[in-house]
C-alpha cells in the first residue's frame, strides 16, 4: 500500500510539473465537455476529457499487467 501511495504521489508531482506542456494538448476543451456560464457564475464538467483519460489509463494498465 505504501508503494502505491508513493507512486501515485510521484505521478501527481510529475503531472503538476509538466502541466504547462500538458495544457497545450487541449484537454479540457474537447467537444462534449460541458461548460455553462450564466451571469457571474460558471459550471464546468469535462466529461469527454474524463472518458478519454480513463480509456488511456485503462489501456496503459492493461499493457503493464499483460
C-alpha atoms as a PDB file:
ATOM      1  CA  UNK A   1       0.000   0.000   0.000  1.00  0.00           C
ATOM      2  CA  UNK A   2       2.842   2.400   0.808  1.00  0.00           C
ATOM      3  CA  UNK A   3       4.492   1.777  -2.544  1.00  0.00           C
ATOM      4  CA  UNK A   4       1.222   2.518  -4.363  1.00  0.00           C
ATOM      5  CA  UNK A   5       0.771   5.801  -2.488  1.00  0.00           C
ATOM      6  CA  UNK A   6       4.363   6.824  -3.196  1.00  0.00           C
ATOM      7  CA  UNK A   7       3.979   6.042  -6.909  1.00  0.00           C
ATOM      8  CA  UNK A   8       0.699   7.978  -7.057  1.00  0.00           C
ATOM      9  CA  UNK A   9       2.292  10.935  -5.273  1.00  0.00           C
ATOM     10  CA  UNK A  10       5.253  10.982  -7.630  1.00  0.00           C
ATOM     11  CA  UNK A  11       2.873  10.693 -10.588  1.00  0.00           C
ATOM     12  CA  UNK A  12       0.841  13.681  -9.387  1.00  0.00           C
ATOM     13  CA  UNK A  13       4.039  15.629  -8.792  1.00  0.00           C
ATOM     14  CA  UNK A  14       5.292  14.919 -12.315  1.00  0.00           C
ATOM     15  CA  UNK A  15       1.903  15.794 -13.821  1.00  0.00           C
ATOM     16  CA  UNK A  16       1.926  19.069 -11.880  1.00  0.00           C
ATOM     17  CA  UNK A  17       5.398  19.943 -13.094  1.00  0.00           C
ATOM     18  CA  UNK A  18       4.503  19.050 -16.676  1.00  0.00           C
ATOM     19  CA  UNK A  19       1.185  20.950 -16.573  1.00  0.00           C
ATOM     20  CA  UNK A  20       2.331  23.863 -18.807  1.00  0.00           C
ATOM     21  CA  UNK A  21       3.122  21.385 -21.582  1.00  0.00           C
ATOM     22  CA  UNK A  22       0.094  19.171 -20.919  1.00  0.00           C
ATOM     23  CA  UNK A  23      -2.230  22.185 -21.168  1.00  0.00           C
ATOM     24  CA  UNK A  24      -1.163  22.639 -24.800  1.00  0.00           C
ATOM     25  CA  UNK A  25      -2.744  19.286 -25.697  1.00  0.00           C
ATOM     26  CA  UNK A  26      -6.215  20.831 -25.459  1.00  0.00           C
ATOM     27  CA  UNK A  27      -7.525  18.511 -22.780  1.00  0.00           C
ATOM     28  CA  UNK A  28     -10.460  20.104 -21.020  1.00  0.00           C
ATOM     29  CA  UNK A  29     -11.683  21.885 -24.139  1.00  0.00           C
ATOM     30  CA  UNK A  30     -12.829  18.918 -26.180  1.00  0.00           C
ATOM     31  CA  UNK A  31     -16.202  18.785 -27.935  1.00  0.00           C
ATOM     32  CA  UNK A  32     -18.680  17.312 -25.476  1.00  0.00           C
ATOM     33  CA  UNK A  33     -17.214  18.956 -22.382  1.00  0.00           C
ATOM     34  CA  UNK A  34     -19.961  20.766 -20.523  1.00  0.00           C
ATOM     35  CA  UNK A  35     -19.457  24.480 -19.833  1.00  0.00           C
ATOM     36  CA  UNK A  36     -22.337  26.668 -18.626  1.00  0.00           C
ATOM     37  CA  UNK A  37     -21.818  30.351 -17.889  1.00  0.00           C
ATOM     38  CA  UNK A  38     -24.693  32.367 -16.503  1.00  0.00           C
ATOM     39  CA  UNK A  39     -24.069  35.852 -15.188  1.00  0.00           C
ATOM     40  CA  UNK A  40     -21.332  35.778 -12.572  1.00  0.00           C
ATOM     41  CA  UNK A  41     -21.336  32.002 -12.103  1.00  0.00           C
ATOM     42  CA  UNK A  42     -19.930  29.191 -14.156  1.00  0.00           C
ATOM     43  CA  UNK A  43     -20.202  25.410 -14.149  1.00  0.00           C
ATOM     44  CA  UNK A  44     -17.652  23.275 -15.971  1.00  0.00           C
ATOM     45  CA  UNK A  45     -17.525  19.495 -16.245  1.00  0.00           C
ATOM     46  CA  UNK A  46     -15.028  17.987 -18.728  1.00  0.00           C
ATOM     47  CA  UNK A  47     -16.889  14.697 -19.267  1.00  0.00           C
ATOM     48  CA  UNK A  48     -15.282  13.794 -22.623  1.00  0.00           C
ATOM     49  CA  UNK A  49     -11.835  14.603 -21.253  1.00  0.00           C
ATOM     50  CA  UNK A  50     -12.514  12.325 -18.258  1.00  0.00           C
ATOM     51  CA  UNK A  51     -13.601   9.480 -20.547  1.00  0.00           C
ATOM     52  CA  UNK A  52     -10.539   9.925 -22.762  1.00  0.00           C
ATOM     53  CA  UNK A  53      -8.159   9.888 -19.790  1.00  0.00           C
ATOM     54  CA  UNK A  54      -9.945   6.848 -18.340  1.00  0.00           C
ATOM     55  CA  UNK A  55      -9.580   4.908 -21.591  1.00  0.00           C
ATOM     56  CA  UNK A  56      -5.909   5.862 -21.889  1.00  0.00           C
ATOM     57  CA  UNK A  57      -5.140   4.812 -18.293  1.00  0.00           C
ATOM     58  CA  UNK A  58      -7.105   1.564 -18.678  1.00  0.00           C
ATOM     59  CA  UNK A  59      -5.104   0.724 -21.788  1.00  0.00           C
ATOM     60  CA  UNK A  60      -1.843   1.596 -20.051  1.00  0.00           C
ATOM     61  CA  UNK A  61      -2.618  -0.567 -17.005  1.00  0.00           C
ATOM     62  CA  UNK A  62      -3.781  -3.407 -19.255  1.00  0.00           C
ATOM     63  CA  UNK A  63      -0.477  -3.278 -21.133  1.00  0.00           C
ATOM     64  CA  UNK A  64       1.539  -3.180 -17.895  1.00  0.00           C
ATOM     65  CA  UNK A  65      -0.281  -6.210 -16.413  1.00  0.00           C
ATOM     66  CA  UNK A  66      -0.027  -8.199 -19.619  1.00  0.00           C
END
